[in-house]
Amino acid sequence: MELSRDERLYLRTQAHQLSPVVMIGNNGLSDAVIREIALNLDAHELIKVRVLGDDREQRARWFEEICAALDCAPVQHIGKLLVLYRATKEGKPRYELPKPGRKTPAKATEKTSKKPVEKVATGRAGKPANSKGGTALRNKRK
């Protein structure tokens, strides 16, 4: 699965708040880990995977292996985090990808009548411009 640049950027912004749901430990990329990643991709579409280990080349190889084995798209590999995306095959997709040439997905347009906002001139500290200040108000009360 191949993503365009705009789709990848959009998915990166959506993945920012996600926590890793799968961790690849010292045993490496086993069949059980692949199954767990597949289950989470089916459930969430967009997931983060944390890789424990310091070998950068090994993490890159695992990233490619996961994408090839599960037919998912690589979104981002930053440090020890891998972000993967696979669209759901059933039901409504959770993430609507942007159309080519757009940074965000198109929103449904609704015809709503918006009333013009009336601007009020304000002076210092957000008080109305014709306000006399605190001393004038104190003198009126007495």
C-alpha atoms as a PDB file:
ATOM      1  CA  MET A   1       0.000   0.000   0.000  1.00  0.00           C
ATOM      2  CA  GLU A   2       1.432   3.346  -1.031  1.00  0.00           C
ATOM      3  CA  LEU A   3       0.483   6.728   0.446  1.00  0.00           C
ATOM      4  CA  SER A   4       0.955  10.147  -1.113  1.00  0.00           C
ATOM      5  CA  ARG A   5       2.896  12.830   0.736  1.00  0.00           C
ATOM      6  CA  ASP A   6      -0.269  14.673   1.788  1.00  0.00           C
ATOM      7  CA  GLU A   7      -1.886  11.471   3.058  1.00  0.00           C
ATOM      8  CA  ARG A   8       1.228  10.629   5.059  1.00  0.00           C
ATOM      9  CA  LEU A   9       1.359  14.125   6.574  1.00  0.00           C
ATOM     10  CA  TYR A  10      -2.309  13.944   7.529  1.00  0.00           C
ATOM     11  CA  LEU A  11      -1.879  10.526   9.159  1.00  0.00           C
ATOM     12  CA  ARG A  12       1.195  11.731  11.045  1.00  0.00           C
ATOM     13  CA  THR A  13      -0.863  14.535  12.583  1.00  0.00           C
ATOM     14  CA  GLN A  14      -3.587  12.047  13.532  1.00  0.00           C
ATOM     15  CA  ALA A  15      -1.051   9.654  15.075  1.00  0.00           C
ATOM     16  CA  HIS A  16       0.565  12.350  17.212  1.00  0.00           C
ATOM     17  CA  GLN A  17      -1.748  11.796  20.198  1.00  0.00           C
ATOM     18  CA  LEU A  18      -1.763   7.987  19.948  1.00  0.00           C
ATOM     19  CA  SER A  19       0.091   5.765  22.373  1.00  0.00           C
ATOM     20  CA  PRO A  20       1.971   2.654  21.239  1.00  0.00           C
ATOM     21  CA  VAL A  21      -0.303  -0.403  21.278  1.00  0.00           C
ATOM     22  CA  VAL A  22       2.299  -3.055  20.427  1.00  0.00           C
ATOM     23  CA  MET A  23       5.883  -3.434  21.649  1.00  0.00           C
ATOM     24  CA  ILE A  24       8.545  -5.454  19.903  1.00  0.00           C
ATOM     25  CA  GLY A  25      10.829  -6.756  22.651  1.00  0.00           C
ATOM     26  CA  ASN A  26      14.065  -8.669  22.891  1.00  0.00           C
ATOM     27  CA  ASN A  27      12.643 -11.689  21.039  1.00  0.00           C
ATOM     28  CA  GLY A  28      12.285  -9.596  17.920  1.00  0.00           C
ATOM     29  CA  LEU A  29       9.613  -9.765  15.266  1.00  0.00           C
ATOM     30  CA  SER A  30       7.861 -13.074  15.946  1.00  0.00           C
ATOM     31  CA  ASP A  31       4.657 -14.502  14.498  1.00  0.00           C
ATOM     32  CA  ALA A  32       2.810 -13.540  17.677  1.00  0.00           C
ATOM     33  CA  VAL A  33       3.911  -9.908  17.304  1.00  0.00           C
ATOM     34  CA  ILE A  34       2.824  -9.880  13.639  1.00  0.00           C
ATOM     35  CA  ARG A  35      -0.611 -11.263  14.634  1.00  0.00           C
ATOM     36  CA  GLU A  36      -0.955  -8.646  17.385  1.00  0.00           C
ATOM     37  CA  ILE A  37      -0.095  -5.838  14.956  1.00  0.00           C
ATOM     38  CA  ALA A  38      -2.635  -7.224  12.453  1.00  0.00           C
ATOM     39  CA  LEU A  39      -5.357  -7.341  15.139  1.00  0.00           C
ATOM     40  CA  ASN A  40      -4.663  -3.753  16.169  1.00  0.00           C
ATOM     41  CA  LEU A  41      -4.608  -2.549  12.564  1.00  0.00           C
ATOM     42  CA  ASP A  42      -8.012  -4.162  12.019  1.00  0.00           C
ATOM     43  CA  ALA A  43      -9.369  -2.495  15.150  1.00  0.00           C
ATOM     44  CA  HIS A  44      -7.782   0.957  14.862  1.00  0.00           C
ATOM     45  CA  GLU A  45      -6.461   1.412  11.278  1.00  0.00           C
ATOM     46  CA  LEU A  46      -3.661   3.708  12.507  1.00  0.00           C
ATOM     47  CA  ILE A  47      -1.306   2.415  15.206  1.00  0.00           C
ATOM     48  CA  LYS A  48       2.034   3.080  16.829  1.00  0.00           C
ATOM     49  CA  VAL A  49       4.493   0.294  17.524  1.00  0.00           C
ATOM     50  CA  ARG A  50       7.375   0.721  19.971  1.00  0.00           C
ATOM     51  CA  VAL A  51      10.576  -1.181  19.227  1.00  0.00           C
ATOM     52  CA  LEU A  52      12.846  -1.941  22.160  1.00  0.00           C
ATOM     53  CA  GLY A  53      16.443  -2.148  21.043  1.00  0.00           C
ATOM     54  CA  ASP A  54      19.169   0.153  19.851  1.00  0.00           C
ATOM     55  CA  ASP A  55      19.912  -1.192  16.357  1.00  0.00           C
ATOM     56  CA  ARG A  56      18.610   1.415  13.909  1.00  0.00           C
ATOM     57  CA  GLU A  57      19.043  -0.746  10.804  1.00  0.00           C
ATOM     58  CA  GLN A  58      17.168  -3.612  12.468  1.00  0.00           C
ATOM     59  CA  ARG A  59      14.228  -1.310  13.255  1.00  0.00           C
ATOM     60  CA  ALA A  60      14.116  -0.152   9.621  1.00  0.00           C
ATOM     61  CA  ARG A  61      14.173  -3.782   8.388  1.00  0.00           C
ATOM     62  CA  TRP A  62      11.357  -4.740  10.777  1.00  0.00           C
ATOM     63  CA  PHE A  63       9.338  -1.745   9.595  1.00  0.00           C
ATOM     64  CA  GLU A  64       9.631  -2.948   5.990  1.00  0.00           C
ATOM     65  CA  GLU A  65       8.893  -6.569   6.949  1.00  0.00           C
ATOM     66  CA  ILE A  66       5.743  -5.609   8.849  1.00  0.00           C
ATOM     67  CA  CYS A  67       4.468  -3.498   5.953  1.00  0.00           C
ATOM     68  CA  ALA A  68       5.142  -6.250   3.431  1.00  0.00           C
ATOM     69  CA  ALA A  69       3.628  -9.030   5.558  1.00  0.00           C
ATOM     70  CA  LEU A  70       0.451  -7.154   6.531  1.00  0.00           C
ATOM     71  CA  ASP A  71      -0.089  -5.055   3.396  1.00  0.00           C
ATOM     72  CA  CYS A  72      -0.070  -1.842   5.419  1.00  0.00           C
ATOM     73  CA  ALA A  73       1.418   1.546   4.655  1.00  0.00           C
ATOM     74  CA  PRO A  74       4.459   2.934   6.452  1.00  0.00           C
ATOM     75  CA  VAL A  75       3.542   6.358   7.804  1.00  0.00           C
ATOM     76  CA  GLN A  76       6.490   7.307   9.991  1.00  0.00           C
ATOM     77  CA  HIS A  77       9.608   5.849  11.591  1.00  0.00           C
ATOM     78  CA  ILE A  78      10.924   8.187  14.226  1.00  0.00           C
ATOM     79  CA  GLY A  79      13.342   6.914  16.824  1.00  0.00           C
ATOM     80  CA  LYS A  80      11.964   3.727  18.315  1.00  0.00           C
ATOM     81  CA  LEU A  81       8.383   4.373  17.176  1.00  0.00           C
ATOM     82  CA  LEU A  82       6.821   3.004  14.007  1.00  0.00           C
ATOM     83  CA  VAL A  83       3.503   4.355  12.728  1.00  0.00           C
ATOM     84  CA  LEU A  84       1.468   2.037  10.483  1.00  0.00           C
ATOM     85  CA  TYR A  85      -1.785   2.519   8.567  1.00  0.00           C
ATOM     86  CA  ARG A  86      -4.124   0.058   6.915  1.00  0.00           C
ATOM     87  CA  ALA A  87      -7.622   1.024   5.811  1.00  0.00           C
ATOM     88  CA  THR A  88     -10.439  -1.148   7.070  1.00  0.00           C
ATOM     89  CA  LYS A  89     -11.989  -3.589   4.641  1.00  0.00           C
ATOM     90  CA  GLU A  90     -15.380  -3.602   6.359  1.00  0.00           C
ATOM     91  CA  GLY A  91     -17.572  -0.722   7.389  1.00  0.00           C
ATOM     92  CA  LYS A  92     -16.822   2.972   7.384  1.00  0.00           C
ATOM     93  CA  PRO A  93     -13.151   3.949   7.564  1.00  0.00           C
ATOM     94  CA  ARG A  94     -12.060   5.713  10.731  1.00  0.00           C
ATOM     95  CA  TYR A  95      -9.737   8.115   8.876  1.00  0.00           C
ATOM     96  CA  GLU A  96     -10.794   9.884   5.699  1.00  0.00           C
ATOM     97  CA  LEU A  97      -7.642  10.539   3.705  1.00  0.00           C
ATOM     98  CA  PRO A  98      -7.241  13.872   1.897  1.00  0.00           C
ATOM     99  CA  LYS A  99      -7.759  14.072  -1.839  1.00  0.00           C
ATOM    100  CA  PRO A 100      -4.681  14.642  -4.018  1.00  0.00           C
ATOM    101  CA  GLY A 101      -3.422  18.198  -3.712  1.00  0.00           C
ATOM    102  CA  ARG A 102      -5.184  18.852  -0.370  1.00  0.00           C
ATOM    103  CA  LYS A 103      -3.631  18.919   3.076  1.00  0.00           C
ATOM    104  CA  THR A 104      -6.786  17.859   4.939  1.00  0.00           C
ATOM    105  CA  PRO A 105      -9.880  15.887   3.962  1.00  0.00           C
ATOM    106  CA  ALA A 106     -12.756  17.832   2.455  1.00  0.00           C
ATOM    107  CA  LYS A 107     -15.448  18.712   4.965  1.00  0.00           C
ATOM    108  CA  ALA A 108     -19.134  18.445   4.226  1.00  0.00           C
ATOM    109  CA  THR A 109     -20.471  21.875   3.394  1.00  0.00           C
ATOM    110  CA  GLU A 110     -23.581  22.960   5.196  1.00  0.00           C
ATOM    111  CA  LYS A 111     -25.672  25.989   4.386  1.00  0.00           C
ATOM    112  CA  THR A 112     -25.996  27.894   7.610  1.00  0.00           C
ATOM    113  CA  SER A 113     -26.843  31.511   8.026  1.00  0.00           C
ATOM    114  CA  LYS A 114     -24.225  33.257  10.069  1.00  0.00           C
ATOM    115  CA  LYS A 115     -25.086  36.543  11.647  1.00  0.00           C
ATOM    116  CA  PRO A 116     -22.420  39.194  11.331  1.00  0.00           C
ATOM    117  CA  VAL A 117     -20.500  39.708  14.537  1.00  0.00           C
ATOM    118  CA  GLU A 118     -20.799  43.200  15.943  1.00  0.00           C
ATOM    119  CA  LYS A 119     -17.412  44.627  16.867  1.00  0.00           C
ATOM    120  CA  VAL A 120     -17.150  46.701  20.011  1.00  0.00           C
ATOM    121  CA  ALA A 121     -14.399  49.254  20.337  1.00  0.00           C
ATOM    122  CA  THR A 122     -12.431  48.537  23.454  1.00  0.00           C
ATOM    123  CA  GLY A 123      -9.973  50.669  25.279  1.00  0.00           C
ATOM    124  CA  ARG A 124      -7.290  49.632  27.674  1.00  0.00           C
ATOM    125  CA  ALA A 125      -7.668  46.333  29.560  1.00  0.00           C
ATOM    126  CA  GLY A 126     -10.700  45.261  27.533  1.00  0.00           C
ATOM    127  CA  LYS A 127     -13.012  47.944  28.957  1.00  0.00           C
ATOM    128  CA  PRO A 128     -15.345  49.807  26.634  1.00  0.00           C
ATOM    129  CA  ALA A 129     -13.708  52.828  25.018  1.00  0.00           C
ATOM    130  CA  ASN A 130     -16.087  55.292  26.692  1.00  0.00           C
ATOM    131  CA  SER A 131     -15.391  54.001  30.202  1.00  0.00           C
ATOM    132  CA  LYS A 132     -14.145  56.594  32.681  1.00  0.00           C
ATOM    133  CA  GLY A 133     -12.142  54.156  34.724  1.00  0.00           C
ATOM    134  CA  GLY A 134     -12.298  52.947  38.295  1.00  0.00           C
ATOM    135  CA  THR A 135     -12.181  56.333  40.077  1.00  0.00           C
ATOM    136  CA  ALA A 136     -15.192  57.738  38.279  1.00  0.00           C
ATOM    137  CA  LEU A 137     -17.254  54.704  39.243  1.00  0.00           C
ATOM    138  CA  ARG A 138     -16.225  54.989  42.905  1.00  0.00           C
ATOM    139  CA  ASN A 139     -17.218  58.643  43.045  1.00  0.00           C
ATOM    140  CA  LYS A 140     -20.679  57.910  41.630  1.00  0.00           C
ATOM    141  CA  ARG A 141     -21.438  55.309  44.296  1.00  0.00           C
ATOM    142  CA  LYS A 142     -20.822  57.678  47.221  1.00  0.00           C
END
